[in-house]
PDB file of N, CA and C in Angstrom:
ATOM      1  N   MET A   1     -23.000  50.886  -3.217  1.00  0.00           N
ATOM      2  CA  MET A   1     -23.445  49.821  -4.313  1.00  0.00           C
ATOM      3  C   MET A   1     -24.037  49.580  -5.393  1.00  0.00           C
ATOM      4  N   VAL A   2     -24.200  49.566  -6.329  1.00  0.00           N
ATOM      5  CA  VAL A   2     -24.925  49.141  -7.419  1.00  0.00           C
ATOM      6  C   VAL A   2     -25.615  47.663  -7.960  1.00  0.00           C
ATOM      7  N   ARG A   3     -27.063  48.075  -7.797  1.00  0.00           N
ATOM      8  CA  ARG A   3     -27.750  46.672  -7.954  1.00  0.00           C
ATOM      9  C   ARG A   3     -28.493  46.446  -9.367  1.00  0.00           C
ATOM     10  N   LEU A   4     -28.588  45.917 -10.439  1.00  0.00           N
ATOM     11  CA  LEU A   4     -29.396  45.898 -11.689  1.00  0.00           C
ATOM     12  C   LEU A   4     -29.334  44.597 -12.381  1.00  0.00           C
ATOM     13  N   HIS A   5     -30.726  44.423 -12.392  1.00  0.00           N
ATOM     14  CA  HIS A   5     -31.253  43.665 -13.689  1.00  0.00           C
ATOM     15  C   HIS A   5     -31.130  43.960 -14.922  1.00  0.00           C
ATOM     16  N   ILE A   6     -30.742  43.092 -15.328  1.00  0.00           N
ATOM     17  CA  ILE A   6     -29.702  43.631 -16.926  1.00  0.00           C
ATOM     18  C   ILE A   6     -30.619  42.149 -17.900  1.00  0.00           C
ATOM     19  N   VAL A   7     -30.991  42.694 -19.024  1.00  0.00           N
ATOM     20  CA  VAL A   7     -31.572  41.628 -20.362  1.00  0.00           C
ATOM     21  C   VAL A   7     -30.580  42.221 -21.172  1.00  0.00           C
ATOM     22  N   VAL A   8     -30.162  41.477 -21.780  1.00  0.00           N
ATOM     23  CA  VAL A   8     -29.320  41.282 -22.920  1.00  0.00           C
ATOM     24  C   VAL A   8     -29.619  40.662 -23.983  1.00  0.00           C
ATOM     25  N   LYS A   9     -30.115  41.681 -25.224  1.00  0.00           N
ATOM     26  CA  LYS A   9     -31.080  40.788 -26.507  1.00  0.00           C
ATOM     27  C   LYS A   9     -30.039  41.046 -27.807  1.00  0.00           C
ATOM     28  N   GLY A  10     -30.003  39.990 -28.855  1.00  0.00           N
ATOM     29  CA  GLY A  10     -29.268  39.896 -29.967  1.00  0.00           C
ATOM     30  C   GLY A  10     -28.740  38.460 -30.081  1.00  0.00           C
ATOM     31  N   THR A  11     -27.682  38.192 -30.430  1.00  0.00           N
ATOM     32  CA  THR A  11     -27.149  36.904 -30.778  1.00  0.00           C
ATOM     33  C   THR A  11     -26.140  36.579 -29.612  1.00  0.00           C
ATOM     34  N   VAL A  12     -27.356  36.381 -28.921  1.00  0.00           N
ATOM     35  CA  VAL A  12     -26.447  35.737 -27.371  1.00  0.00           C
ATOM     36  C   VAL A  12     -26.631  34.314 -26.451  1.00  0.00           C
ATOM     37  N   GLN A  13     -27.639  33.378 -27.227  1.00  0.00           N
ATOM     38  CA  GLN A  13     -27.666  32.032 -27.103  1.00  0.00           C
ATOM     39  C   GLN A  13     -27.036  31.012 -27.888  1.00  0.00           C
ATOM     40  N   GLY A  14     -26.518  30.248 -27.112  1.00  0.00           N
ATOM     41  CA  GLY A  14     -25.647  29.199 -28.155  1.00  0.00           C
ATOM     42  C   GLY A  14     -24.634  29.508 -28.677  1.00  0.00           C
ATOM     43  N   VAL A  15     -23.723  30.711 -27.872  1.00  0.00           N
ATOM     44  CA  VAL A  15     -22.485  31.489 -28.625  1.00  0.00           C
ATOM     45  C   VAL A  15     -21.524  31.605 -27.052  1.00  0.00           C
ATOM     46  N   GLY A  16     -21.701  31.465 -26.051  1.00  0.00           N
ATOM     47  CA  GLY A  16     -21.209  31.350 -25.235  1.00  0.00           C
ATOM     48  C   GLY A  16     -21.177  32.606 -24.234  1.00  0.00           C
ATOM     49  N   PHE A  17     -22.116  33.386 -24.382  1.00  0.00           N
ATOM     50  CA  PHE A  17     -22.421  34.892 -23.955  1.00  0.00           C
ATOM     51  C   PHE A  17     -22.396  34.116 -22.229  1.00  0.00           C
ATOM     52  N   ARG A  18     -22.919  33.356 -21.826  1.00  0.00           N
ATOM     53  CA  ARG A  18     -23.142  33.507 -20.436  1.00  0.00           C
ATOM     54  C   ARG A  18     -21.941  32.935 -19.890  1.00  0.00           C
ATOM     55  N   TYR A  19     -20.699  32.414 -20.412  1.00  0.00           N
ATOM     56  CA  TYR A  19     -19.605  32.583 -19.713  1.00  0.00           C
ATOM     57  C   TYR A  19     -18.742  33.492 -19.833  1.00  0.00           C
ATOM     58  N   TYR A  20     -19.266  34.549 -20.927  1.00  0.00           N
ATOM     59  CA  TYR A  20     -18.025  35.868 -21.053  1.00  0.00           C
ATOM     60  C   TYR A  20     -18.789  36.422 -20.128  1.00  0.00           C
ATOM     61  N   ALA A  21     -20.185  36.764 -19.997  1.00  0.00           N
ATOM     62  CA  ALA A  21     -20.773  37.047 -18.912  1.00  0.00           C
ATOM     63  C   ALA A  21     -19.766  37.291 -17.454  1.00  0.00           C
ATOM     64  N   GLN A  22     -19.800  35.914 -17.241  1.00  0.00           N
ATOM     65  CA  GLN A  22     -19.198  35.450 -15.798  1.00  0.00           C
ATOM     66  C   GLN A  22     -17.860  35.651 -15.614  1.00  0.00           C
ATOM     67  N   MET A  23     -16.806  35.553 -16.836  1.00  0.00           N
ATOM     68  CA  MET A  23     -15.445  35.943 -16.572  1.00  0.00           C
ATOM     69  C   MET A  23     -15.505  37.739 -16.632  1.00  0.00           C
ATOM     70  N   LYS A  24     -16.101  38.342 -17.330  1.00  0.00           N
ATOM     71  CA  LYS A  24     -16.128  39.745 -16.685  1.00  0.00           C
ATOM     72  C   LYS A  24     -16.575  39.979 -15.618  1.00  0.00           C
ATOM     73  N   ALA A  25     -17.884  39.472 -15.194  1.00  0.00           N
ATOM     74  CA  ALA A  25     -17.997  39.487 -13.689  1.00  0.00           C
ATOM     75  C   ALA A  25     -16.599  39.343 -12.611  1.00  0.00           C
ATOM     76  N   VAL A  26     -16.329  37.950 -13.015  1.00  0.00           N
ATOM     77  CA  VAL A  26     -14.789  37.797 -11.808  1.00  0.00           C
ATOM     78  C   VAL A  26     -14.268  38.793 -12.066  1.00  0.00           C
ATOM     79  N   GLN A  27     -13.713  39.310 -13.661  1.00  0.00           N
ATOM     80  CA  GLN A  27     -12.756  40.102 -13.369  1.00  0.00           C
ATOM     81  C   GLN A  27     -13.240  41.769 -12.707  1.00  0.00           C
ATOM     82  N   HIS A  28     -14.233  41.907 -12.854  1.00  0.00           N
ATOM     83  CA  HIS A  28     -14.813  43.589 -12.736  1.00  0.00           C
ATOM     84  C   HIS A  28     -15.372  43.271 -11.087  1.00  0.00           C
ATOM     85  N   LYS A  29     -15.114  41.856 -10.198  1.00  0.00           N
ATOM     86  CA  LYS A  29     -15.490  42.117  -8.775  1.00  0.00           C
ATOM     87  C   LYS A  29     -17.116  42.514  -8.959  1.00  0.00           C
ATOM     88  N   ILE A  30     -17.941  41.854  -9.537  1.00  0.00           N
ATOM     89  CA  ILE A  30     -19.370  41.636  -9.867  1.00  0.00           C
ATOM     90  C   ILE A  30     -19.833  40.229  -9.452  1.00  0.00           C
ATOM     91  N   THR A  31     -21.062  40.455  -8.281  1.00  0.00           N
ATOM     92  CA  THR A  31     -21.716  39.360  -7.962  1.00  0.00           C
ATOM     93  C   THR A  31     -23.325  39.529  -8.380  1.00  0.00           C
ATOM     94  N   GLY A  32     -23.528  38.135  -8.267  1.00  0.00           N
ATOM     95  CA  GLY A  32     -24.954  37.574  -9.023  1.00  0.00           C
ATOM     96  C   GLY A  32     -25.253  36.503  -9.994  1.00  0.00           C
ATOM     97  N   TRP A  33     -25.910  36.625 -10.764  1.00  0.00           N
ATOM     98  CA  TRP A  33     -25.924  35.647 -11.701  1.00  0.00           C
ATOM     99  C   TRP A  33     -26.404  35.688 -12.801  1.00  0.00           C
ATOM    100  N   VAL A  34     -26.163  34.915 -13.929  1.00  0.00           N
ATOM    101  CA  VAL A  34     -27.010  34.986 -15.329  1.00  0.00           C
ATOM    102  C   VAL A  34     -27.479  33.541 -15.610  1.00  0.00           C
ATOM    103  N   LYS A  35     -28.014  34.033 -16.628  1.00  0.00           N
ATOM    104  CA  LYS A  35     -29.450  32.916 -17.120  1.00  0.00           C
ATOM    105  C   LYS A  35     -30.039  33.214 -18.610  1.00  0.00           C
ATOM    106  N   ASN A  36     -30.023  31.841 -19.711  1.00  0.00           N
ATOM    107  CA  ASN A  36     -31.162  32.072 -20.680  1.00  0.00           C
ATOM    108  C   ASN A  36     -32.343  32.309 -20.342  1.00  0.00           C
ATOM    109  N   THR A  37     -32.783  32.663 -21.242  1.00  0.00           N
ATOM    110  CA  THR A  37     -34.310  32.597 -20.735  1.00  0.00           C
ATOM    111  C   THR A  37     -34.970  32.391 -22.301  1.00  0.00           C
ATOM    112  N   ASP A  38     -36.670  31.817 -22.098  1.00  0.00           N
ATOM    113  CA  ASP A  38     -36.974  31.422 -22.725  1.00  0.00           C
ATOM    114  C   ASP A  38     -37.851  32.203 -23.836  1.00  0.00           C
ATOM    115  N   GLN A  39     -37.118  33.746 -24.260  1.00  0.00           N
ATOM    116  CA  GLN A  39     -37.487  34.318 -25.319  1.00  0.00           C
ATOM    117  C   GLN A  39     -36.365  35.051 -26.050  1.00  0.00           C
ATOM    118  N   GLY A  40     -35.024  33.874 -25.739  1.00  0.00           N
ATOM    119  CA  GLY A  40     -33.780  34.328 -26.455  1.00  0.00           C
ATOM    120  C   GLY A  40     -32.710  35.276 -26.470  1.00  0.00           C
ATOM    121  N   THR A  41     -33.355  35.595 -25.026  1.00  0.00           N
ATOM    122  CA  THR A  41     -32.458  36.811 -24.193  1.00  0.00           C
ATOM    123  C   THR A  41     -31.367  36.082 -23.144  1.00  0.00           C
ATOM    124  N   VAL A  42     -30.403  37.319 -22.660  1.00  0.00           N
ATOM    125  CA  VAL A  42     -29.703  36.068 -21.781  1.00  0.00           C
ATOM    126  C   VAL A  42     -30.443  37.315 -20.594  1.00  0.00           C
ATOM    127  N   GLU A  43     -30.335  36.690 -18.761  1.00  0.00           N
ATOM    128  CA  GLU A  43     -30.867  37.701 -18.014  1.00  0.00           C
ATOM    129  C   GLU A  43     -29.962  37.648 -16.959  1.00  0.00           C
ATOM    130  N   MET A  44     -29.700  38.654 -15.825  1.00  0.00           N
ATOM    131  CA  MET A  44     -28.789  38.926 -15.138  1.00  0.00           C
ATOM    132  C   MET A  44     -29.497  40.012 -13.750  1.00  0.00           C
ATOM    133  N   VAL A  45     -28.528  39.543 -12.951  1.00  0.00           N
ATOM    134  CA  VAL A  45     -28.669  40.476 -11.993  1.00  0.00           C
ATOM    135  C   VAL A  45     -27.579  40.569 -11.344  1.00  0.00           C
ATOM    136  N   ALA A  46     -26.847  41.545 -11.281  1.00  0.00           N
ATOM    137  CA  ALA A  46     -25.300  42.242 -11.363  1.00  0.00           C
ATOM    138  C   ALA A  46     -25.457  43.199 -10.135  1.00  0.00           C
ATOM    139  N   VAL A  47     -24.670  42.867  -9.015  1.00  0.00           N
ATOM    140  CA  VAL A  47     -23.864  43.761  -8.386  1.00  0.00           C
ATOM    141  C   VAL A  47     -22.558  43.856  -7.707  1.00  0.00           C
ATOM    142  N   GLY A  48     -22.233  45.582  -7.511  1.00  0.00           N
ATOM    143  CA  GLY A  48     -20.854  45.823  -7.584  1.00  0.00           C
ATOM    144  C   GLY A  48     -20.903  46.932  -7.353  1.00  0.00           C
ATOM    145  N   GLU A  49     -19.335  47.784  -7.153  1.00  0.00           N
ATOM    146  CA  GLU A  49     -19.464  49.144  -7.101  1.00  0.00           C
ATOM    147  C   GLU A  49     -19.709  49.967  -8.609  1.00  0.00           C
ATOM    148  N   LYS A  50     -20.036  50.879  -8.438  1.00  0.00           N
ATOM    149  CA  LYS A  50     -19.978  51.643  -9.274  1.00  0.00           C
ATOM    150  C   LYS A  50     -19.555  51.723 -10.881  1.00  0.00           C
ATOM    151  N   GLU A  51     -18.073  52.194 -10.341  1.00  0.00           N
ATOM    152  CA  GLU A  51     -17.355  52.150 -11.443  1.00  0.00           C
ATOM    153  C   GLU A  51     -17.120  51.134 -12.062  1.00  0.00           C
ATOM    154  N   ASP A  52     -16.545  49.490 -10.943  1.00  0.00           N
ATOM    155  CA  ASP A  52     -16.706  47.863 -11.544  1.00  0.00           C
ATOM    156  C   ASP A  52     -17.961  48.184 -12.702  1.00  0.00           C
ATOM    157  N   MET A  53     -18.875  48.412 -12.098  1.00  0.00           N
ATOM    158  CA  MET A  53     -20.230  47.902 -13.340  1.00  0.00           C
ATOM    159  C   MET A  53     -20.167  49.007 -14.261  1.00  0.00           C
ATOM    160  N   ASP A  54     -19.782  50.234 -14.335  1.00  0.00           N
ATOM    161  CA  ASP A  54     -19.498  50.485 -15.455  1.00  0.00           C
ATOM    162  C   ASP A  54     -19.056  49.958 -16.677  1.00  0.00           C
ATOM    163  N   LEU A  55     -17.905  49.278 -16.386  1.00  0.00           N
ATOM    164  CA  LEU A  55     -16.783  48.114 -17.020  1.00  0.00           C
ATOM    165  C   LEU A  55     -17.305  47.438 -17.552  1.00  0.00           C
ATOM    166  N   PHE A  56     -18.184  46.549 -16.511  1.00  0.00           N
ATOM    167  CA  PHE A  56     -18.489  45.410 -16.515  1.00  0.00           C
ATOM    168  C   PHE A  56     -19.621  45.783 -17.809  1.00  0.00           C
ATOM    169  N   LEU A  57     -20.663  46.400 -17.942  1.00  0.00           N
ATOM    170  CA  LEU A  57     -22.149  46.774 -18.683  1.00  0.00           C
ATOM    171  C   LEU A  57     -21.272  46.962 -20.166  1.00  0.00           C
ATOM    172  N   LYS A  58     -19.813  47.923 -20.277  1.00  0.00           N
ATOM    173  CA  LYS A  58     -19.390  48.349 -21.355  1.00  0.00           C
ATOM    174  C   LYS A  58     -19.058  47.117 -21.879  1.00  0.00           C
ATOM    175  N   ASP A  59     -18.063  45.895 -21.571  1.00  0.00           N
ATOM    176  CA  ASP A  59     -18.170  44.693 -21.579  1.00  0.00           C
ATOM    177  C   ASP A  59     -19.117  43.711 -22.334  1.00  0.00           C
ATOM    178  N   LEU A  60     -20.371  43.679 -21.653  1.00  0.00           N
ATOM    179  CA  LEU A  60     -21.455  43.202 -22.345  1.00  0.00           C
ATOM    180  C   LEU A  60     -22.245  43.539 -23.149  1.00  0.00           C
ATOM    181  N   ARG A  61     -22.024  45.003 -23.411  1.00  0.00           N
ATOM    182  CA  ARG A  61     -22.152  45.941 -24.413  1.00  0.00           C
ATOM    183  C   ARG A  61     -21.588  45.081 -26.180  1.00  0.00           C
ATOM    184  N   GLN A  62     -20.444  45.046 -25.634  1.00  0.00           N
ATOM    185  CA  GLN A  62     -19.468  44.676 -27.047  1.00  0.00           C
ATOM    186  C   GLN A  62     -19.810  43.338 -27.193  1.00  0.00           C
ATOM    187  N   GLY A  63     -19.940  42.284 -26.031  1.00  0.00           N
ATOM    188  CA  GLY A  63     -20.032  40.958 -26.234  1.00  0.00           C
ATOM    189  C   GLY A  63     -18.903  40.347 -26.800  1.00  0.00           C
ATOM    190  N   ASN A  64     -18.788  39.165 -26.822  1.00  0.00           N
ATOM    191  CA  ASN A  64     -17.876  38.327 -27.070  1.00  0.00           C
ATOM    192  C   ASN A  64     -17.468  38.001 -28.581  1.00  0.00           C
ATOM    193  N   PRO A  65     -16.494  37.182 -29.029  1.00  0.00           N
ATOM    194  CA  PRO A  65     -16.538  37.507 -30.512  1.00  0.00           C
ATOM    195  C   PRO A  65     -17.680  36.682 -31.078  1.00  0.00           C
ATOM    196  N   PHE A  66     -18.167  35.781 -30.924  1.00  0.00           N
ATOM    197  CA  PHE A  66     -19.155  35.442 -31.817  1.00  0.00           C
ATOM    198  C   PHE A  66     -20.936  35.645 -31.488  1.00  0.00           C
ATOM    199  N   SER A  67     -21.122  36.662 -29.871  1.00  0.00           N
ATOM    200  CA  SER A  67     -22.233  37.311 -29.972  1.00  0.00           C
ATOM    201  C   SER A  67     -22.575  38.697 -30.477  1.00  0.00           C
ATOM    202  N   LYS A  68     -23.815  38.870 -30.768  1.00  0.00           N
ATOM    203  CA  LYS A  68     -23.918  40.360 -31.669  1.00  0.00           C
ATOM    204  C   LYS A  68     -24.967  40.727 -30.382  1.00  0.00           C
ATOM    205  N   VAL A  69     -24.895  41.641 -29.895  1.00  0.00           N
ATOM    206  CA  VAL A  69     -25.891  42.397 -28.555  1.00  0.00           C
ATOM    207  C   VAL A  69     -26.396  43.745 -29.557  1.00  0.00           C
ATOM    208  N   SER A  70     -27.520  43.514 -29.430  1.00  0.00           N
ATOM    209  CA  SER A  70     -28.313  44.399 -30.256  1.00  0.00           C
ATOM    210  C   SER A  70     -28.987  45.553 -29.025  1.00  0.00           C
ATOM    211  N   GLU A  71     -28.739  45.029 -27.890  1.00  0.00           N
ATOM    212  CA  GLU A  71     -29.661  45.628 -26.953  1.00  0.00           C
ATOM    213  C   GLU A  71     -29.006  45.390 -25.672  1.00  0.00           C
ATOM    214  N   LEU A  72     -29.440  46.535 -24.834  1.00  0.00           N
ATOM    215  CA  LEU A  72     -28.966  46.020 -23.325  1.00  0.00           C
ATOM    216  C   LEU A  72     -30.065  46.914 -21.998  1.00  0.00           C
ATOM    217  N   GLU A  73     -30.716  46.164 -21.627  1.00  0.00           N
ATOM    218  CA  GLU A  73     -31.988  47.025 -21.066  1.00  0.00           C
ATOM    219  C   GLU A  73     -31.299  46.802 -19.095  1.00  0.00           C
ATOM    220  N   THR A  74     -31.611  47.473 -18.732  1.00  0.00           N
ATOM    221  CA  THR A  74     -31.202  47.644 -17.392  1.00  0.00           C
ATOM    222  C   THR A  74     -31.962  48.286 -16.458  1.00  0.00           C
ATOM    223  N   LYS A  75     -32.108  47.579 -15.175  1.00  0.00           N
ATOM    224  CA  LYS A  75     -33.237  48.409 -14.605  1.00  0.00           C
ATOM    225  C   LYS A  75     -32.597  48.539 -12.602  1.00  0.00           C
ATOM    226  N   GLU A  76     -32.622  49.688 -12.329  1.00  0.00           N
ATOM    227  CA  GLU A  76     -31.964  49.485 -10.923  1.00  0.00           C
ATOM    228  C   GLU A  76     -32.585  48.845 -10.186  1.00  0.00           C
ATOM    229  N   LEU A  77     -32.003  47.706  -9.144  1.00  0.00           N
ATOM    230  CA  LEU A  77     -33.132  46.767  -8.189  1.00  0.00           C
ATOM    231  C   LEU A  77     -32.418  47.746  -6.389  1.00  0.00           C
ATOM    232  N   ALA A  78     -34.149  47.650  -5.803  1.00  0.00           N
ATOM    233  CA  ALA A  78     -33.373  48.773  -4.383  1.00  0.00           C
ATOM    234  C   ALA A  78     -32.598  47.505  -3.772  1.00  0.00           C
ATOM    235  N   GLU A  79     -33.146  46.132  -3.626  1.00  0.00           N
ATOM    236  CA  GLU A  79     -31.999  45.365  -2.721  1.00  0.00           C
ATOM    237  C   GLU A  79     -31.839  44.269  -3.676  1.00  0.00           C
ATOM    238  N   THR A  80     -31.036  43.175  -3.668  1.00  0.00           N
ATOM    239  CA  THR A  80     -30.906  41.871  -4.025  1.00  0.00           C
ATOM    240  C   THR A  80     -30.652  40.554  -2.494  1.00  0.00           C
ATOM    241  N   GLU A  81     -30.733  39.935  -2.703  1.00  0.00           N
ATOM    242  CA  GLU A  81     -30.218  38.696  -1.838  1.00  0.00           C
ATOM    243  C   GLU A  81     -28.373  38.600  -1.994  1.00  0.00           C
ATOM    244  N   PRO A  82     -28.086  38.698  -0.680  1.00  0.00           N
ATOM    245  CA  PRO A  82     -26.455  38.898  -0.724  1.00  0.00           C
ATOM    246  C   PRO A  82     -25.860  37.384  -1.717  1.00  0.00           C
ATOM    247  N   TYR A  83     -24.697  38.155  -2.919  1.00  0.00           N
ATOM    248  CA  TYR A  83     -23.840  37.225  -3.223  1.00  0.00           C
ATOM    249  C   TYR A  83     -22.666  37.069  -3.074  1.00  0.00           C
ATOM    250  N   GLN A  84     -22.588  36.045  -3.082  1.00  0.00           N
ATOM    251  CA  GLN A  84     -20.663  35.472  -2.775  1.00  0.00           C
ATOM    252  C   GLN A  84     -20.029  35.275  -4.064  1.00  0.00           C
ATOM    253  N   SER A  85     -20.746  34.934  -4.937  1.00  0.00           N
ATOM    254  CA  SER A  85     -19.923  35.142  -6.559  1.00  0.00           C
ATOM    255  C   SER A  85     -20.610  35.497  -7.727  1.00  0.00           C
ATOM    256  N   PHE A  86     -20.671  34.824  -8.771  1.00  0.00           N
ATOM    257  CA  PHE A  86     -21.255  35.178  -9.601  1.00  0.00           C
ATOM    258  C   PHE A  86     -21.443  34.012 -11.194  1.00  0.00           C
ATOM    259  N   LYS A  87     -22.787  33.207 -10.660  1.00  0.00           N
ATOM    260  CA  LYS A  87     -23.286  32.311 -11.001  1.00  0.00           C
ATOM    261  C   LYS A  87     -23.973  31.773 -12.367  1.00  0.00           C
ATOM    262  N   ILE A  88     -24.104  31.128 -13.094  1.00  0.00           N
ATOM    263  CA  ILE A  88     -24.645  30.897 -14.283  1.00  0.00           C
ATOM    264  C   ILE A  88     -25.855  29.700 -13.997  1.00  0.00           C
ATOM    265  N   LYS A  89     -27.208  30.275 -14.058  1.00  0.00           N
ATOM    266  CA  LYS A  89     -28.318  29.507 -13.782  1.00  0.00           C
ATOM    267  C   LYS A  89     -28.641  28.533 -14.740  1.00  0.00           C
ATOM    268  N   TYR A  90     -29.080  27.359 -14.356  1.00  0.00           N
ATOM    269  CA  TYR A  90     -29.752  26.593 -15.953  1.00  0.00           C
ATOM    270  C   TYR A  90     -30.906  26.427 -16.031  1.00  0.00           C
TER     271      TYR A  90
END
């Protein structure tokens, strides 16, 4: 099981990126959460199997048609709370 803290930089707010991330998380069986930050980035915690996480990260780097991802920072987490789904935080 892989647990990551992810920060996505670029044109990722106001373009549906959180909904895109949620859709891709469900598609790749990833649990956790996603939210906008005050710094103009999108932050998330993602939990899943390595193969699923690799596909999820590939999709995040690509972004949706309205976003432009300039950087994707990932940091492995030792533990996270157990998540049942992938939610958008407001």
